[in-house]
Amino acid sequence: MLLSDQLKELAAPVLEKVLAHPFWSGLRDGSLPGESLTYFVEQDTGHLLPAYARALARTAAAAEQDAHTALLGRSITGTLEARDRLREKYAELADGLGLPASAGGMPPAGPVTHAHCAFFNASSAASYAAGVGALLPMVWFNFQVSNDLLERRSAGSRYAKWIEVYHPGEGYGYAVRAFMGLADELGKTASPAEEARLVEHFRTGIRHEWAFAEAAWERPEWPV
């Protein structure tokens, strides 16, 4: 079995729970409270995507193959451009959706966001395999979730325009396949210990994907 297939199998039950989560189902049918979308955009663009870009940079620097460095390096720019695009589009749509226009500033990272960012930082500093394992879930889940939003959105959903904006575009599938191909290459050359580390960090990363949706729904605050 290819390593990418093993990772997809590992992610499948969590992905099912993520797609059924009231944050994403509320976006599909329009029932999501506006405050939850605002929280998601602020935490995602203000903290999580920049942390992901920095983790990409550290992992790219640790890659032994130039092609891997190039793939991860291109993704740094793509991640930050996606951050800017989401901020811009949120600002354009906020008034029509009845949402605050303040998203895109720098509110403090919530506790779940802080943990997710720390995971990216620690994993990318630990080893190349750990960094790749930590980075893969966001790529895979973003592709699956954004496609699901488009395919299953309610025709009259309040968030129909945002769902279109949130989708990264047709070309994103190529990036996803490239990342999974990178994992397969590592699966052929990595030591058993390195492969186990990649899988374990992937396992933790998919849990963070569910936790981030839960945080956007619950909007937790730090204890006083």
Protein backbone atom coordinates (compact mmCIF):
# COMPACT_ATOMS: atom_id res chain seq x y z
CA MET A 1 0.00 0.00 0.00
CA LEU A 2 1.29 3.46 -0.87
CA LEU A 3 1.90 5.70 2.11
CA SER A 4 -0.60 8.24 0.75
CA ASP A 5 -3.29 5.54 0.71
CA GLN A 6 -2.44 4.65 4.30
CA LEU A 7 -2.76 8.30 5.31
CA LYS A 8 -6.10 8.71 3.52
CA GLU A 9 -7.40 5.59 5.25
CA LEU A 10 -6.26 6.99 8.58
CA ALA A 11 -7.96 10.32 7.85
CA ALA A 12 -11.25 8.91 6.56
CA PRO A 13 -13.16 8.53 9.86
CA VAL A 14 -12.05 11.97 11.06
CA LEU A 15 -12.94 13.52 7.70
CA GLU A 16 -16.43 12.04 8.01
CA LYS A 17 -16.84 13.70 11.41
CA VAL A 18 -15.44 17.00 10.10
CA LEU A 19 -17.85 17.10 7.15
CA ALA A 20 -20.76 16.43 9.51
CA HIS A 21 -19.62 19.05 12.03
CA PRO A 22 -22.18 21.84 12.58
CA PHE A 23 -19.63 24.45 11.53
CA TRP A 24 -19.30 23.03 8.00
CA SER A 25 -22.88 21.76 7.73
CA GLY A 26 -24.05 25.20 8.91
CA LEU A 27 -22.09 26.82 6.11
CA ARG A 28 -23.68 24.44 3.61
CA ASP A 29 -27.25 25.12 4.66
CA GLY A 30 -26.84 28.72 5.83
CA SER A 31 -27.67 28.10 9.50
CA LEU A 32 -24.19 28.88 10.87
CA PRO A 33 -24.13 31.85 13.26
CA GLY A 34 -22.24 34.72 11.66
CA GLU A 35 -19.98 35.05 14.69
CA SER A 36 -18.61 31.58 14.01
CA LEU A 37 -17.59 32.43 10.45
CA THR A 38 -15.98 35.66 11.62
CA TYR A 39 -14.04 33.77 14.28
CA PHE A 40 -12.90 31.21 11.72
CA VAL A 41 -11.68 33.83 9.26
CA GLU A 42 -9.86 35.86 11.90
CA GLN A 43 -8.15 32.85 13.45
CA ASP A 44 -7.35 31.23 10.10
CA THR A 45 -5.96 34.29 8.33
CA GLY A 46 -4.51 36.00 11.39
CA HIS A 47 -2.67 33.03 12.85
CA LEU A 48 -3.06 29.57 11.36
CA LEU A 49 -2.17 30.26 7.72
CA PRO A 50 0.92 32.35 8.61
CA ALA A 51 2.08 29.59 10.98
CA TYR A 52 1.51 27.04 8.23
CA ALA A 53 3.56 29.12 5.78
CA ARG A 54 6.46 29.30 8.25
CA ALA A 55 6.27 25.55 8.85
CA LEU A 56 6.42 25.05 5.08
CA ALA A 57 9.55 27.19 4.98
CA ARG A 58 11.30 25.23 7.72
CA THR A 59 10.34 21.90 6.17
CA ALA A 60 11.43 23.05 2.71
CA ALA A 61 14.83 23.98 4.14
CA ALA A 62 15.22 20.47 5.57
CA ALA A 63 14.32 18.65 2.33
CA GLU A 64 17.09 16.68 0.66
CA GLN A 65 15.58 16.75 -2.83
CA ASP A 66 15.37 19.98 -4.79
CA ALA A 67 11.96 19.03 -6.17
CA HIS A 68 10.59 18.76 -2.64
CA THR A 69 12.09 22.10 -1.67
CA ALA A 70 10.52 23.66 -4.78
CA LEU A 71 7.07 22.19 -4.06
CA LEU A 72 7.07 23.31 -0.44
CA GLY A 73 8.55 26.69 -1.37
CA ARG A 74 5.83 27.39 -3.92
CA SER A 75 3.27 26.48 -1.30
CA ILE A 76 4.58 29.18 1.03
CA THR A 77 3.62 31.86 -1.47
CA GLY A 78 0.35 30.13 -2.26
CA THR A 79 -0.59 29.96 1.42
CA LEU A 80 0.06 33.64 2.06
CA GLU A 81 -1.72 34.64 -1.14
CA ALA A 82 -4.72 32.54 -0.04
CA ARG A 83 -4.63 34.32 3.33
CA ASP A 84 -4.76 37.72 1.64
CA ARG A 85 -7.50 36.62 -0.77
CA LEU A 86 -9.73 35.32 2.02
CA ARG A 87 -9.32 38.53 4.01
CA GLU A 88 -10.14 40.64 0.97
CA LYS A 89 -13.18 38.58 -0.01
CA TYR A 90 -14.49 38.50 3.55
CA ALA A 91 -14.32 42.29 3.67
CA GLU A 92 -16.24 42.47 0.38
CA LEU A 93 -18.97 40.06 1.48
CA ALA A 94 -19.27 40.92 5.18
CA ASP A 95 -21.85 43.68 4.85
CA GLY A 96 -24.13 41.64 2.63
CA LEU A 97 -23.90 38.70 5.04
CA GLY A 98 -24.58 40.90 8.05
CA LEU A 99 -21.15 40.19 9.51
CA PRO A 100 -18.61 42.49 11.18
CA ALA A 101 -16.15 44.00 8.72
CA SER A 102 -13.22 43.65 11.12
CA ALA A 103 -12.00 40.20 10.09
CA GLY A 104 -8.45 40.30 8.81
CA GLY A 105 -7.04 42.21 11.77
CA MET A 106 -4.97 40.52 14.39
CA PRO A 107 -7.16 39.34 17.28
CA PRO A 108 -5.32 37.16 19.81
CA ALA A 109 -4.98 33.51 18.90
CA GLY A 110 -7.59 31.44 20.70
CA PRO A 111 -6.43 28.44 22.75
CA VAL A 112 -7.17 25.89 20.02
CA THR A 113 -5.55 28.04 17.34
CA HIS A 114 -2.52 28.56 19.56
CA ALA A 115 -2.14 24.79 20.00
CA HIS A 116 -2.48 24.20 16.25
CA CYS A 117 0.16 26.82 15.44
CA ALA A 118 2.49 25.41 18.10
CA PHE A 119 2.07 21.98 16.54
CA PHE A 120 3.16 23.32 13.15
CA ASN A 121 6.15 25.06 14.71
CA ALA A 122 7.31 22.10 16.77
CA SER A 123 6.80 19.51 14.04
CA SER A 124 8.65 21.45 11.35
CA ALA A 125 11.54 22.00 13.78
CA ALA A 126 11.71 18.34 14.82
CA SER A 127 12.56 16.65 11.51
CA TYR A 128 11.73 16.66 7.83
CA ALA A 129 9.45 13.63 8.18
CA ALA A 130 7.62 15.19 11.14
CA GLY A 131 7.19 18.43 9.23
CA VAL A 132 5.73 16.70 6.17
CA GLY A 133 3.39 14.66 8.36
CA ALA A 134 2.15 17.79 10.11
CA LEU A 135 1.65 19.76 6.89
CA LEU A 136 -0.26 17.15 4.90
CA PRO A 137 -3.58 17.20 6.82
CA MET A 138 -4.37 20.85 6.10
CA VAL A 139 -3.78 20.32 2.37
CA TRP A 140 -5.88 17.16 2.26
CA PHE A 141 -8.72 18.38 4.47
CA ASN A 142 -8.98 21.76 2.74
CA PHE A 143 -9.39 20.00 -0.59
CA GLN A 144 -12.02 17.57 0.70
CA VAL A 145 -13.97 20.12 2.74
CA SER A 146 -14.04 22.86 0.10
CA ASN A 147 -15.18 20.39 -2.57
CA ASP A 148 -17.88 19.08 -0.26
CA LEU A 149 -19.11 22.61 0.42
CA LEU A 150 -19.54 23.26 -3.28
CA GLU A 151 -21.15 19.93 -4.04
CA ARG A 152 -23.61 19.80 -1.13
CA ARG A 153 -24.42 23.46 -0.42
CA SER A 154 -28.08 24.35 -0.21
CA ALA A 155 -29.24 26.46 -3.14
CA GLY A 156 -30.48 29.20 -0.84
CA SER A 157 -27.65 29.10 1.66
CA ARG A 158 -26.84 32.47 3.17
CA TYR A 159 -23.17 31.60 2.67
CA ALA A 160 -23.32 30.48 -0.98
CA LYS A 161 -20.99 33.26 -2.16
CA TRP A 162 -18.53 32.65 0.66
CA ILE A 163 -18.43 28.94 -0.19
CA GLU A 164 -17.42 29.86 -3.75
CA VAL A 165 -14.74 32.20 -2.43
CA TYR A 166 -13.44 29.66 0.07
CA HIS A 167 -12.78 27.03 -2.57
CA PRO A 168 -9.10 27.27 -3.63
CA GLY A 169 -9.85 26.62 -7.31
CA GLU A 170 -9.61 23.82 -9.82
CA GLY A 171 -5.83 23.85 -9.85
CA TYR A 172 -5.60 23.03 -6.16
CA GLY A 173 -6.10 19.36 -6.92
CA TYR A 174 -2.69 19.30 -8.59
CA ALA A 175 -1.05 20.62 -5.43
CA VAL A 176 -2.81 18.01 -3.31
CA ARG A 177 -1.63 15.20 -5.57
CA ALA A 178 1.90 16.60 -5.50
CA PHE A 179 1.91 16.63 -1.69
CA MET A 180 0.61 13.07 -1.54
CA GLY A 181 3.20 12.07 -4.13
CA LEU A 182 5.87 13.56 -1.88
CA ALA A 183 4.59 11.35 0.94
CA ASP A 184 4.79 8.30 -1.32
CA GLU A 185 8.39 9.11 -2.23
CA LEU A 186 9.25 9.37 1.45
CA GLY A 187 7.47 6.09 2.07
CA LYS A 188 9.89 4.41 -0.33
CA THR A 189 13.09 5.96 1.05
CA ALA A 190 12.50 6.79 4.72
CA SER A 191 13.59 4.55 7.54
CA PRO A 192 10.84 2.75 9.50
CA ALA A 193 11.34 5.24 12.34
CA GLU A 194 11.01 8.24 9.99
CA GLU A 195 7.90 6.82 8.36
CA ALA A 196 6.36 6.16 11.78
CA ARG A 197 7.10 9.74 12.80
CA LEU A 198 5.44 11.09 9.64
CA VAL A 199 2.34 8.97 10.24
CA GLU A 200 2.11 9.97 13.90
CA HIS A 201 2.34 13.68 13.09
CA PHE A 202 -0.27 13.22 10.37
CA ARG A 203 -2.52 11.51 12.92
CA THR A 204 -2.16 14.46 15.29
CA GLY A 205 -2.69 16.94 12.45
CA ILE A 206 -6.03 15.47 11.44
CA ARG A 207 -7.20 15.81 15.03
CA HIS A 208 -6.28 19.49 14.92
CA GLU A 209 -8.40 19.88 11.77
CA TRP A 210 -11.46 18.67 13.67
CA ALA A 211 -10.56 20.78 16.71
CA PHE A 212 -10.29 23.94 14.59
CA ALA A 213 -13.82 23.47 13.23
CA GLU A 214 -15.04 22.84 16.78
CA ALA A 215 -13.32 26.02 17.97
CA ALA A 216 -14.95 28.09 15.23
CA TRP A 217 -18.30 26.69 16.35
CA GLU A 218 -17.75 27.16 20.10
CA ARG A 219 -15.42 30.23 19.97
CA PRO A 220 -13.52 29.33 23.18
CA GLU A 221 -11.67 31.98 25.17
CA TRP A 222 -8.64 31.69 27.40
CA PRO A 223 -9.47 31.21 31.10
CA VAL A 224 -9.14 34.41 33.10
